[in-house]
Amino acid sequence: AMSGRAVEAAGDVDTLLLDKTGTITFGNRMASEILPVPGVS
């Protein structure tokens, strides 16, 4: 904490904004599945 005021204000916070990339998500797109077309295993 860069200031005591920030610690104190945190006790009364009622709204949180989060940047998605790197915060909610890892930030790097990652392969999760491979979907073949019919006729290809």
PDB file of all heavy atoms in Angstrom:
ATOM      1  N   ALA A   1       0.848  -1.194   0.000  1.00  0.00           N
ATOM      2  CA  ALA A   1       0.000   0.000   0.000  1.00  0.00           C
ATOM      3  C   ALA A   1       0.881   1.241   0.000  1.00  0.00           C
ATOM      4  O   ALA A   1       1.759   1.389   0.845  1.00  0.00           O
ATOM      5  CB  ALA A   1      -0.911   0.009   1.225  1.00  0.00           C
ATOM      6  N   MET A   2       0.647   2.121  -0.974  1.00  0.00           N
ATOM      7  CA  MET A   2       1.442   3.336  -1.068  1.00  0.00           C
ATOM      8  C   MET A   2       0.966   4.409  -0.087  1.00  0.00           C
ATOM      9  O   MET A   2       1.634   5.408   0.098  1.00  0.00           O
ATOM     10  CB  MET A   2       1.376   3.898  -2.487  1.00  0.00           C
ATOM     11  CG  MET A   2       1.873   2.923  -3.552  1.00  0.00           C
ATOM     12  SD  MET A   2       3.599   2.457  -3.283  1.00  0.00           S
ATOM     13  CE  MET A   2       3.883   1.415  -4.707  1.00  0.00           C
ATOM     14  N   SER A   3      -0.228   4.237   0.511  1.00  0.00           N
ATOM     15  CA  SER A   3      -0.726   5.215   1.481  1.00  0.00           C
ATOM     16  C   SER A   3      -1.682   4.526   2.434  1.00  0.00           C
ATOM     17  O   SER A   3      -2.370   3.565   2.065  1.00  0.00           O
ATOM     18  CB  SER A   3      -1.451   6.369   0.780  1.00  0.00           C
ATOM     19  OG  SER A   3      -2.710   5.960   0.290  1.00  0.00           O
ATOM     20  N   GLY A   4      -1.720   5.028   3.674  1.00  0.00           N
ATOM     21  CA  GLY A   4      -2.657   4.500   4.642  1.00  0.00           C
ATOM     22  C   GLY A   4      -4.090   4.776   4.242  1.00  0.00           C
ATOM     23  O   GLY A   4      -5.004   4.014   4.563  1.00  0.00           O
ATOM     24  N   ARG A   5      -4.322   5.883   3.533  1.00  0.00           N
ATOM     25  CA  ARG A   5      -5.673   6.231   3.111  1.00  0.00           C
ATOM     26  C   ARG A   5      -6.259   5.142   2.211  1.00  0.00           C
ATOM     27  O   ARG A   5      -7.452   4.832   2.276  1.00  0.00           O
ATOM     28  CB  ARG A   5      -5.684   7.567   2.367  1.00  0.00           C
ATOM     29  CG  ARG A   5      -7.084   8.004   1.962  1.00  0.00           C
ATOM     30  CD  ARG A   5      -7.072   9.218   1.032  1.00  0.00           C
ATOM     31  NE  ARG A   5      -8.424   9.573   0.657  1.00  0.00           N
ATOM     32  CZ  ARG A   5      -9.137   8.957  -0.271  1.00  0.00           C
ATOM     33  NH1 ARG A   5      -8.613   7.932  -0.914  1.00  0.00           N
ATOM     34  NH2 ARG A   5     -10.367   9.338  -0.556  1.00  0.00           N
ATOM     35  N   ALA A   6      -5.402   4.559   1.363  1.00  0.00           N
ATOM     36  CA  ALA A   6      -5.882   3.507   0.465  1.00  0.00           C
ATOM     37  C   ALA A   6      -6.360   2.295   1.253  1.00  0.00           C
ATOM     38  O   ALA A   6      -7.370   1.676   0.908  1.00  0.00           O
ATOM     39  CB  ALA A   6      -4.777   3.108  -0.502  1.00  0.00           C
ATOM     40  N   VAL A   7      -5.645   1.938   2.324  1.00  0.00           N
ATOM     41  CA  VAL A   7      -6.046   0.801   3.156  1.00  0.00           C
ATOM     42  C   VAL A   7      -7.403   1.081   3.784  1.00  0.00           C
ATOM     43  O   VAL A   7      -8.299   0.232   3.810  1.00  0.00           O
ATOM     44  CB  VAL A   7      -5.002   0.523   4.259  1.00  0.00           C
ATOM     45  CG1 VAL A   7      -5.374  -0.720   5.046  1.00  0.00           C
ATOM     46  CG2 VAL A   7      -3.619   0.377   3.661  1.00  0.00           C
ATOM     47  N   GLU A   8      -7.561   2.306   4.281  1.00  0.00           N
ATOM     48  CA  GLU A   8      -8.798   2.700   4.936  1.00  0.00           C
ATOM     49  C   GLU A   8      -9.960   2.716   3.947  1.00  0.00           C
ATOM     50  O   GLU A   8     -11.053   2.223   4.224  1.00  0.00           O
ATOM     51  CB  GLU A   8      -8.616   4.083   5.558  1.00  0.00           C
ATOM     52  CG  GLU A   8      -9.604   4.405   6.646  1.00  0.00           C
ATOM     53  CD  GLU A   8      -9.170   5.659   7.378  1.00  0.00           C
ATOM     54  OE1 GLU A   8      -9.496   6.751   6.901  1.00  0.00           O
ATOM     55  OE2 GLU A   8      -8.493   5.526   8.409  1.00  0.00           O
ATOM     56  N   ALA A   9      -9.720   3.289   2.764  1.00  0.00           N
ATOM     57  CA  ALA A   9     -10.769   3.367   1.743  1.00  0.00           C
ATOM     58  C   ALA A   9     -11.206   1.981   1.299  1.00  0.00           C
ATOM     59  O   ALA A   9     -12.372   1.755   0.967  1.00  0.00           O
ATOM     60  CB  ALA A   9     -10.278   4.176   0.546  1.00  0.00           C
ATOM     61  N   ALA A  10     -10.267   1.022   1.304  1.00  0.00           N
ATOM     62  CA  ALA A  10     -10.598  -0.344   0.887  1.00  0.00           C
ATOM     63  C   ALA A  10     -11.688  -0.946   1.762  1.00  0.00           C
ATOM     64  O   ALA A  10     -12.474  -1.775   1.305  1.00  0.00           O
ATOM     65  CB  ALA A  10      -9.346  -1.225   0.928  1.00  0.00           C
ATOM     66  N   GLY A  11     -11.750  -0.518   3.006  1.00  0.00           N
ATOM     67  CA  GLY A  11     -12.767  -1.040   3.906  1.00  0.00           C
ATOM     68  C   GLY A  11     -14.172  -0.635   3.534  1.00  0.00           C
ATOM     69  O   GLY A  11     -15.140  -1.241   3.992  1.00  0.00           O
ATOM     70  N   ASP A  12     -14.321   0.423   2.713  1.00  0.00           N
ATOM     71  CA  ASP A  12     -15.639   0.919   2.338  1.00  0.00           C
ATOM     72  C   ASP A  12     -15.941   0.751   0.855  1.00  0.00           C
ATOM     73  O   ASP A  12     -16.947   1.260   0.361  1.00  0.00           O
ATOM     74  CB  ASP A  12     -15.759   2.404   2.704  1.00  0.00           C
ATOM     75  CG  ASP A  12     -15.795   2.622   4.209  1.00  0.00           C
ATOM     76  OD1 ASP A  12     -16.390   1.786   4.902  1.00  0.00           O
ATOM     77  OD2 ASP A  12     -15.220   3.612   4.689  1.00  0.00           O
ATOM     78  N   VAL A  13     -15.089   0.045   0.114  1.00  0.00           N
ATOM     79  CA  VAL A  13     -15.287  -0.134  -1.329  1.00  0.00           C
ATOM     80  C   VAL A  13     -16.575  -0.912  -1.593  1.00  0.00           C
ATOM     81  O   VAL A  13     -16.866  -1.902  -0.918  1.00  0.00           O
ATOM     82  CB  VAL A  13     -14.070  -0.868  -1.944  1.00  0.00           C
ATOM     83  CG1 VAL A  13     -14.431  -1.505  -3.272  1.00  0.00           C
ATOM     84  CG2 VAL A  13     -12.911   0.092  -2.118  1.00  0.00           C
ATOM     85  N   ASP A  14     -17.355  -0.454  -2.580  1.00  0.00           N
ATOM     86  CA  ASP A  14     -18.561  -1.202  -2.949  1.00  0.00           C
ATOM     87  C   ASP A  14     -18.623  -1.534  -4.437  1.00  0.00           C
ATOM     88  O   ASP A  14     -19.548  -2.207  -4.886  1.00  0.00           O
ATOM     89  CB  ASP A  14     -19.829  -0.431  -2.542  1.00  0.00           C
ATOM     90  CG  ASP A  14     -19.862   0.986  -3.073  1.00  0.00           C
ATOM     91  OD1 ASP A  14     -19.161   1.274  -4.055  1.00  0.00           O
ATOM     92  OD2 ASP A  14     -20.592   1.812  -2.497  1.00  0.00           O
ATOM     93  N   THR A  15     -17.645  -1.060  -5.224  1.00  0.00           N
ATOM     94  CA  THR A  15     -17.599  -1.366  -6.653  1.00  0.00           C
ATOM     95  C   THR A  15     -16.164  -1.681  -7.045  1.00  0.00           C
ATOM     96  O   THR A  15     -15.243  -0.969  -6.651  1.00  0.00           O
ATOM     97  CB  THR A  15     -18.098  -0.173  -7.497  1.00  0.00           C
ATOM     98  OG1 THR A  15     -19.423   0.171  -7.077  1.00  0.00           O
ATOM     99  CG2 THR A  15     -18.127  -0.524  -8.974  1.00  0.00           C
ATOM    100  N   LEU A  16     -15.991  -2.752  -7.807  1.00  0.00           N
ATOM    101  CA  LEU A  16     -14.662  -3.155  -8.269  1.00  0.00           C
ATOM    102  C   LEU A  16     -14.655  -3.280  -9.778  1.00  0.00           C
ATOM    103  O   LEU A  16     -15.439  -4.028 -10.354  1.00  0.00           O
ATOM    104  CB  LEU A  16     -14.265  -4.496  -7.641  1.00  0.00           C
ATOM    105  CG  LEU A  16     -13.017  -5.180  -8.222  1.00  0.00           C
ATOM    106  CD1 LEU A  16     -11.788  -4.310  -8.010  1.00  0.00           C
ATOM    107  CD2 LEU A  16     -12.817  -6.556  -7.602  1.00  0.00           C
ATOM    108  N   LEU A  17     -13.765  -2.517 -10.424  1.00  0.00           N
ATOM    109  CA  LEU A  17     -13.543  -2.628 -11.866  1.00  0.00           C
ATOM    110  C   LEU A  17     -12.295  -3.444 -12.103  1.00  0.00           C
ATOM    111  O   LEU A  17     -11.259  -3.215 -11.455  1.00  0.00           O
ATOM    112  CB  LEU A  17     -13.372  -1.242 -12.505  1.00  0.00           C
ATOM    113  CG  LEU A  17     -14.626  -0.576 -13.070  1.00  0.00           C
ATOM    114  CD1 LEU A  17     -15.545  -0.167 -11.935  1.00  0.00           C
ATOM    115  CD2 LEU A  17     -14.258   0.638 -13.904  1.00  0.00           C
ATOM    116  N   LEU A  18     -12.381  -4.384 -13.030  1.00  0.00           N
ATOM    117  CA  LEU A  18     -11.228  -5.218 -13.342  1.00  0.00           C
ATOM    118  C   LEU A  18     -10.996  -5.218 -14.837  1.00  0.00           C
ATOM    119  O   LEU A  18     -11.919  -5.460 -15.622  1.00  0.00           O
ATOM    120  CB  LEU A  18     -11.444  -6.659 -12.878  1.00  0.00           C
ATOM    121  CG  LEU A  18     -11.778  -6.883 -11.417  1.00  0.00           C
ATOM    122  CD1 LEU A  18     -13.261  -7.198 -11.279  1.00  0.00           C
ATOM    123  CD2 LEU A  18     -10.961  -8.018 -10.832  1.00  0.00           C
ATOM    124  N   ASP A  19      -9.761  -4.936 -15.222  1.00  0.00           N
ATOM    125  CA  ASP A  19      -9.385  -5.090 -16.617  1.00  0.00           C
ATOM    126  C   ASP A  19      -9.338  -6.588 -16.924  1.00  0.00           C
ATOM    127  O   ASP A  19      -8.843  -7.383 -16.127  1.00  0.00           O
ATOM    128  CB  ASP A  19      -8.012  -4.454 -16.856  1.00  0.00           C
ATOM    129  CG  ASP A  19      -7.577  -4.576 -18.291  1.00  0.00           C
ATOM    130  OD1 ASP A  19      -8.300  -4.089 -19.168  1.00  0.00           O
ATOM    131  OD2 ASP A  19      -6.507  -5.169 -18.538  1.00  0.00           O
ATOM    132  N   LYS A  20      -9.871  -6.969 -18.090  1.00  0.00           N
ATOM    133  CA  LYS A  20      -9.948  -8.399 -18.409  1.00  0.00           C
ATOM    134  C   LYS A  20      -8.579  -9.013 -18.643  1.00  0.00           C
ATOM    135  O   LYS A  20      -8.170  -9.946 -17.962  1.00  0.00           O
ATOM    136  CB  LYS A  20     -10.818  -8.612 -19.652  1.00  0.00           C
ATOM    137  CG  LYS A  20     -11.058 -10.081 -19.993  1.00  0.00           C
ATOM    138  CD  LYS A  20     -11.318 -10.283 -21.473  1.00  0.00           C
ATOM    139  CE  LYS A  20     -10.015 -10.196 -22.265  1.00  0.00           C
ATOM    140  NZ  LYS A  20     -10.149 -10.556 -23.673  1.00  0.00           N
ATOM    141  N   THR A  21      -7.844  -8.478 -19.608  1.00  0.00           N
ATOM    142  CA  THR A  21      -6.613  -9.113 -20.060  1.00  0.00           C
ATOM    143  C   THR A  21      -5.519  -9.013 -19.003  1.00  0.00           C
ATOM    144  O   THR A  21      -5.150  -7.912 -18.587  1.00  0.00           O
ATOM    145  CB  THR A  21      -6.123  -8.472 -21.370  1.00  0.00           C
ATOM    146  OG1 THR A  21      -7.184  -8.510 -22.316  1.00  0.00           O
ATOM    147  CG2 THR A  21      -4.914  -9.214 -21.916  1.00  0.00           C
ATOM    148  N   GLY A  22      -5.028 -10.154 -18.582  1.00  0.00           N
ATOM    149  CA  GLY A  22      -3.962 -10.185 -17.592  1.00  0.00           C
ATOM    150  C   GLY A  22      -4.450 -10.059 -16.167  1.00  0.00           C
ATOM    151  O   GLY A  22      -3.682 -10.224 -15.234  1.00  0.00           O
ATOM    152  N   THR A  23      -5.738  -9.761 -15.996  1.00  0.00           N
ATOM    153  CA  THR A  23      -6.285  -9.593 -14.660  1.00  0.00           C
ATOM    154  C   THR A  23      -7.287 -10.699 -14.366  1.00  0.00           C
ATOM    155  O   THR A  23      -7.092 -11.526 -13.480  1.00  0.00           O
ATOM    156  CB  THR A  23      -6.950  -8.211 -14.520  1.00  0.00           C
ATOM    157  OG1 THR A  23      -6.014  -7.202 -14.883  1.00  0.00           O
ATOM    158  CG2 THR A  23      -7.404  -7.965 -13.100  1.00  0.00           C
ATOM    159  N   ILE A  24      -8.373 -10.741 -15.149  1.00  0.00           N
ATOM    160  CA  ILE A  24      -9.328 -11.845 -15.037  1.00  0.00           C
ATOM    161  C   ILE A  24      -8.830 -13.057 -15.820  1.00  0.00           C
ATOM    162  O   ILE A  24      -8.988 -14.198 -15.399  1.00  0.00           O
ATOM    163  CB  ILE A  24     -10.721 -11.401 -15.547  1.00  0.00           C
ATOM    164  CG1 ILE A  24     -11.313 -10.372 -14.588  1.00  0.00           C
ATOM    165  CG2 ILE A  24     -11.655 -12.593 -15.705  1.00  0.00           C
ATOM    166  CD1 ILE A  24     -12.641  -9.820 -15.041  1.00  0.00           C
ATOM    167  N   THR A  25      -8.214 -12.783 -16.962  1.00  0.00           N
ATOM    168  CA  THR A  25      -7.660 -13.866 -17.788  1.00  0.00           C
ATOM    169  C   THR A  25      -6.135 -13.814 -17.738  1.00  0.00           C
ATOM    170  O   THR A  25      -5.556 -12.838 -17.267  1.00  0.00           O
ATOM    171  CB  THR A  25      -8.121 -13.724 -19.249  1.00  0.00           C
ATOM    172  OG1 THR A  25      -7.566 -12.517 -19.797  1.00  0.00           O
ATOM    173  CG2 THR A  25      -9.636 -13.654 -19.338  1.00  0.00           C
ATOM    174  N   PHE A  26      -5.504 -14.861 -18.253  1.00  0.00           N
ATOM    175  CA  PHE A  26      -4.040 -14.898 -18.257  1.00  0.00           C
ATOM    176  C   PHE A  26      -3.453 -13.916 -19.254  1.00  0.00           C
ATOM    177  O   PHE A  26      -2.289 -13.545 -19.165  1.00  0.00           O
ATOM    178  CB  PHE A  26      -3.542 -16.313 -18.581  1.00  0.00           C
ATOM    179  CG  PHE A  26      -3.658 -17.250 -17.426  1.00  0.00           C
ATOM    180  CD1 PHE A  26      -4.605 -18.257 -17.427  1.00  0.00           C
ATOM    181  CD2 PHE A  26      -2.841 -17.115 -16.321  1.00  0.00           C
ATOM    182  CE1 PHE A  26      -4.722 -19.127 -16.357  1.00  0.00           C
ATOM    183  CE2 PHE A  26      -2.944 -17.972 -15.252  1.00  0.00           C
ATOM    184  CZ  PHE A  26      -3.895 -18.990 -15.261  1.00  0.00           C
ATOM    185  N   GLY A  27      -4.245 -13.486 -20.241  1.00  0.00           N
ATOM    186  CA  GLY A  27      -3.760 -12.496 -21.196  1.00  0.00           C
ATOM    187  C   GLY A  27      -3.284 -13.092 -22.496  1.00  0.00           C
ATOM    188  O   GLY A  27      -3.321 -12.428 -23.534  1.00  0.00           O
ATOM    189  N   ASN A  28      -2.828 -14.325 -22.496  1.00  0.00           N
ATOM    190  CA  ASN A  28      -2.408 -15.005 -23.724  1.00  0.00           C
ATOM    191  C   ASN A  28      -3.506 -15.969 -24.169  1.00  0.00           C
ATOM    192  O   ASN A  28      -4.007 -16.758 -23.365  1.00  0.00           O
ATOM    193  CB  ASN A  28      -1.114 -15.804 -23.495  1.00  0.00           C
ATOM    194  CG  ASN A  28       0.072 -14.888 -23.307  1.00  0.00           C
ATOM    195  OD1 ASN A  28       0.132 -13.820 -23.889  1.00  0.00           O
ATOM    196  ND2 ASN A  28       1.005 -15.310 -22.469  1.00  0.00           N
ATOM    197  N   ARG A  29      -3.875 -15.880 -25.448  1.00  0.00           N
ATOM    198  CA  ARG A  29      -4.849 -16.845 -25.969  1.00  0.00           C
ATOM    199  C   ARG A  29      -4.194 -18.232 -26.006  1.00  0.00           C
ATOM    200  O   ARG A  29      -3.079 -18.376 -26.492  1.00  0.00           O
ATOM    201  CB  ARG A  29      -5.319 -16.427 -27.358  1.00  0.00           C
ATOM    202  CG  ARG A  29      -6.073 -15.111 -27.368  1.00  0.00           C
ATOM    203  CD  ARG A  29      -6.382 -14.689 -28.784  1.00  0.00           C
ATOM    204  NE  ARG A  29      -5.160 -14.593 -29.582  1.00  0.00           N
ATOM    205  CZ  ARG A  29      -5.137 -14.447 -30.899  1.00  0.00           C
ATOM    206  NH1 ARG A  29      -6.268 -14.403 -31.577  1.00  0.00           N
ATOM    207  NH2 ARG A  29      -3.997 -14.348 -31.547  1.00  0.00           N
ATOM    208  N   MET A  30      -4.913 -19.220 -25.518  1.00  0.00           N
ATOM    209  CA  MET A  30      -4.364 -20.573 -25.435  1.00  0.00           C
ATOM    210  C   MET A  30      -5.305 -21.550 -26.118  1.00  0.00           C
ATOM    211  O   MET A  30      -6.536 -21.395 -26.065  1.00  0.00           O
ATOM    212  CB  MET A  30      -4.158 -20.968 -23.971  1.00  0.00           C
ATOM    213  CG  MET A  30      -3.216 -20.044 -23.219  1.00  0.00           C
ATOM    214  SD  MET A  30      -3.141 -20.391 -21.453  1.00  0.00           S
ATOM    215  CE  MET A  30      -2.363 -22.000 -21.469  1.00  0.00           C
ATOM    216  N   ALA A  31      -4.741 -22.567 -26.753  1.00  0.00           N
ATOM    217  CA  ALA A  31      -5.547 -23.584 -27.436  1.00  0.00           C
ATOM    218  C   ALA A  31      -6.297 -24.413 -26.409  1.00  0.00           C
ATOM    219  O   ALA A  31      -5.722 -24.883 -25.427  1.00  0.00           O
ATOM    220  CB  ALA A  31      -4.644 -24.469 -28.275  1.00  0.00           C
ATOM    221  N   SER A  32      -7.606 -24.565 -26.632  1.00  0.00           N
ATOM    222  CA  SER A  32      -8.419 -25.332 -25.691  1.00  0.00           C
ATOM    223  C   SER A  32      -9.011 -26.590 -26.318  1.00  0.00           C
ATOM    224  O   SER A  32      -9.308 -27.548 -25.606  1.00  0.00           O
ATOM    225  CB  SER A  32      -9.551 -24.459 -25.137  1.00  0.00           C
ATOM    226  OG  SER A  32     -10.401 -24.029 -26.188  1.00  0.00           O
ATOM    227  N   GLU A  33      -9.210 -26.602 -27.671  1.00  0.00           N
ATOM    228  CA  GLU A  33      -9.751 -27.792 -28.325  1.00  0.00           C
ATOM    229  C   GLU A  33      -9.478 -27.729 -29.826  1.00  0.00           C
ATOM    230  O   GLU A  33      -9.211 -26.653 -30.379  1.00  0.00           O
ATOM    231  CB  GLU A  33     -11.261 -27.926 -28.070  1.00  0.00           C
ATOM    232  CG  GLU A  33     -12.073 -26.752 -28.573  1.00  0.00           C
ATOM    233  CD  GLU A  33     -13.568 -26.923 -28.331  1.00  0.00           C
ATOM    234  OE1 GLU A  33     -14.016 -28.086 -28.239  1.00  0.00           O
ATOM    235  OE2 GLU A  33     -14.274 -25.904 -28.253  1.00  0.00           O
ATOM    236  N   ILE A  34      -9.547 -28.895 -30.471  1.00  0.00           N
ATOM    237  CA  ILE A  34      -9.393 -28.994 -31.927  1.00  0.00           C
ATOM    238  C   ILE A  34     -10.663 -29.647 -32.469  1.00  0.00           C
ATOM    239  O   ILE A  34     -11.043 -30.747 -32.035  1.00  0.00           O
ATOM    240  CB  ILE A  34      -8.155 -29.828 -32.306  1.00  0.00           C
ATOM    241  CG1 ILE A  34      -6.891 -29.135 -31.776  1.00  0.00           C
ATOM    242  CG2 ILE A  34      -8.061 -30.003 -33.820  1.00  0.00           C
ATOM    243  CD1 ILE A  34      -5.625 -29.956 -31.949  1.00  0.00           C
ATOM    244  N   LEU A  35     -11.328 -28.954 -33.388  1.00  0.00           N
ATOM    245  CA  LEU A  35     -12.598 -29.431 -33.939  1.00  0.00           C
ATOM    246  C   LEU A  35     -12.382 -29.880 -35.385  1.00  0.00           C
ATOM    247  O   LEU A  35     -12.253 -29.046 -36.286  1.00  0.00           O
ATOM    248  CB  LEU A  35     -13.648 -28.313 -33.888  1.00  0.00           C
ATOM    249  CG  LEU A  35     -13.903 -27.689 -32.503  1.00  0.00           C
ATOM    250  CD1 LEU A  35     -14.826 -26.492 -32.628  1.00  0.00           C
ATOM    251  CD2 LEU A  35     -14.483 -28.725 -31.556  1.00  0.00           C
ATOM    252  N   PRO A  36     -12.313 -31.193 -35.663  1.00  0.00           N
ATOM    253  CA  PRO A  36     -12.103 -31.662 -37.044  1.00  0.00           C
ATOM    254  C   PRO A  36     -13.403 -31.562 -37.857  1.00  0.00           C
ATOM    255  O   PRO A  36     -14.501 -31.582 -37.298  1.00  0.00           O
ATOM    256  CB  PRO A  36     -11.687 -33.110 -36.851  1.00  0.00           C
ATOM    257  CG  PRO A  36     -12.345 -33.523 -35.572  1.00  0.00           C
ATOM    258  CD  PRO A  36     -12.385 -32.305 -34.703  1.00  0.00           C
ATOM    259  N   VAL A  37     -13.259 -31.443 -39.159  1.00  0.00           N
ATOM    260  CA  VAL A  37     -14.433 -31.459 -40.040  1.00  0.00           C
ATOM    261  C   VAL A  37     -14.826 -32.916 -40.282  1.00  0.00           C
ATOM    262  O   VAL A  37     -14.033 -33.839 -40.025  1.00  0.00           O
ATOM    263  CB  VAL A  37     -14.129 -30.753 -41.381  1.00  0.00           C
ATOM    264  CG1 VAL A  37     -13.799 -29.290 -41.146  1.00  0.00           C
ATOM    265  CG2 VAL A  37     -12.995 -31.457 -42.126  1.00  0.00           C
ATOM    266  N   PRO A  38     -16.042 -33.179 -40.762  1.00  0.00           N
ATOM    267  CA  PRO A  38     -16.447 -34.561 -41.046  1.00  0.00           C
ATOM    268  C   PRO A  38     -15.477 -35.246 -42.008  1.00  0.00           C
ATOM    269  O   PRO A  38     -15.003 -34.644 -42.969  1.00  0.00           O
ATOM    270  CB  PRO A  38     -17.833 -34.391 -41.687  1.00  0.00           C
ATOM    271  CG  PRO A  38     -18.357 -33.104 -41.110  1.00  0.00           C
ATOM    272  CD  PRO A  38     -17.159 -32.222 -40.979  1.00  0.00           C
ATOM    273  N   GLY A  39     -15.152 -36.503 -41.714  1.00  0.00           N
ATOM    274  CA  GLY A  39     -14.228 -37.265 -42.548  1.00  0.00           C
ATOM    275  C   GLY A  39     -12.805 -37.218 -42.053  1.00  0.00           C
ATOM    276  O   GLY A  39     -11.930 -37.922 -42.580  1.00  0.00           O
ATOM    277  N   VAL A  40     -12.522 -36.392 -41.070  1.00  0.00           N
ATOM    278  CA  VAL A  40     -11.172 -36.286 -40.493  1.00  0.00           C
ATOM    279  C   VAL A  40     -11.270 -36.648 -39.016  1.00  0.00           C
ATOM    280  O   VAL A  40     -12.094 -36.095 -38.279  1.00  0.00           O
ATOM    281  CB  VAL A  40     -10.597 -34.861 -40.655  1.00  0.00           C
ATOM    282  CG1 VAL A  40      -9.225 -34.766 -39.988  1.00  0.00           C
ATOM    283  CG2 VAL A  40     -10.531 -34.466 -42.111  1.00  0.00           C
ATOM    284  N   SER A  41     -10.452 -37.595 -38.574  1.00  0.00           N
ATOM    285  CA  SER A  41     -10.491 -37.972 -37.155  1.00  0.00           C
ATOM    286  C   SER A  41      -9.838 -36.886 -36.306  1.00  0.00           C
ATOM    287  O   SER A  41      -9.017 -36.097 -36.785  1.00  0.00           O
ATOM    288  CB  SER A  41      -9.770 -39.302 -36.936  1.00  0.00           C
ATOM    289  OG  SER A  41      -8.369 -39.136 -37.079  1.00  0.00           O
TER     290      SER A  41
END
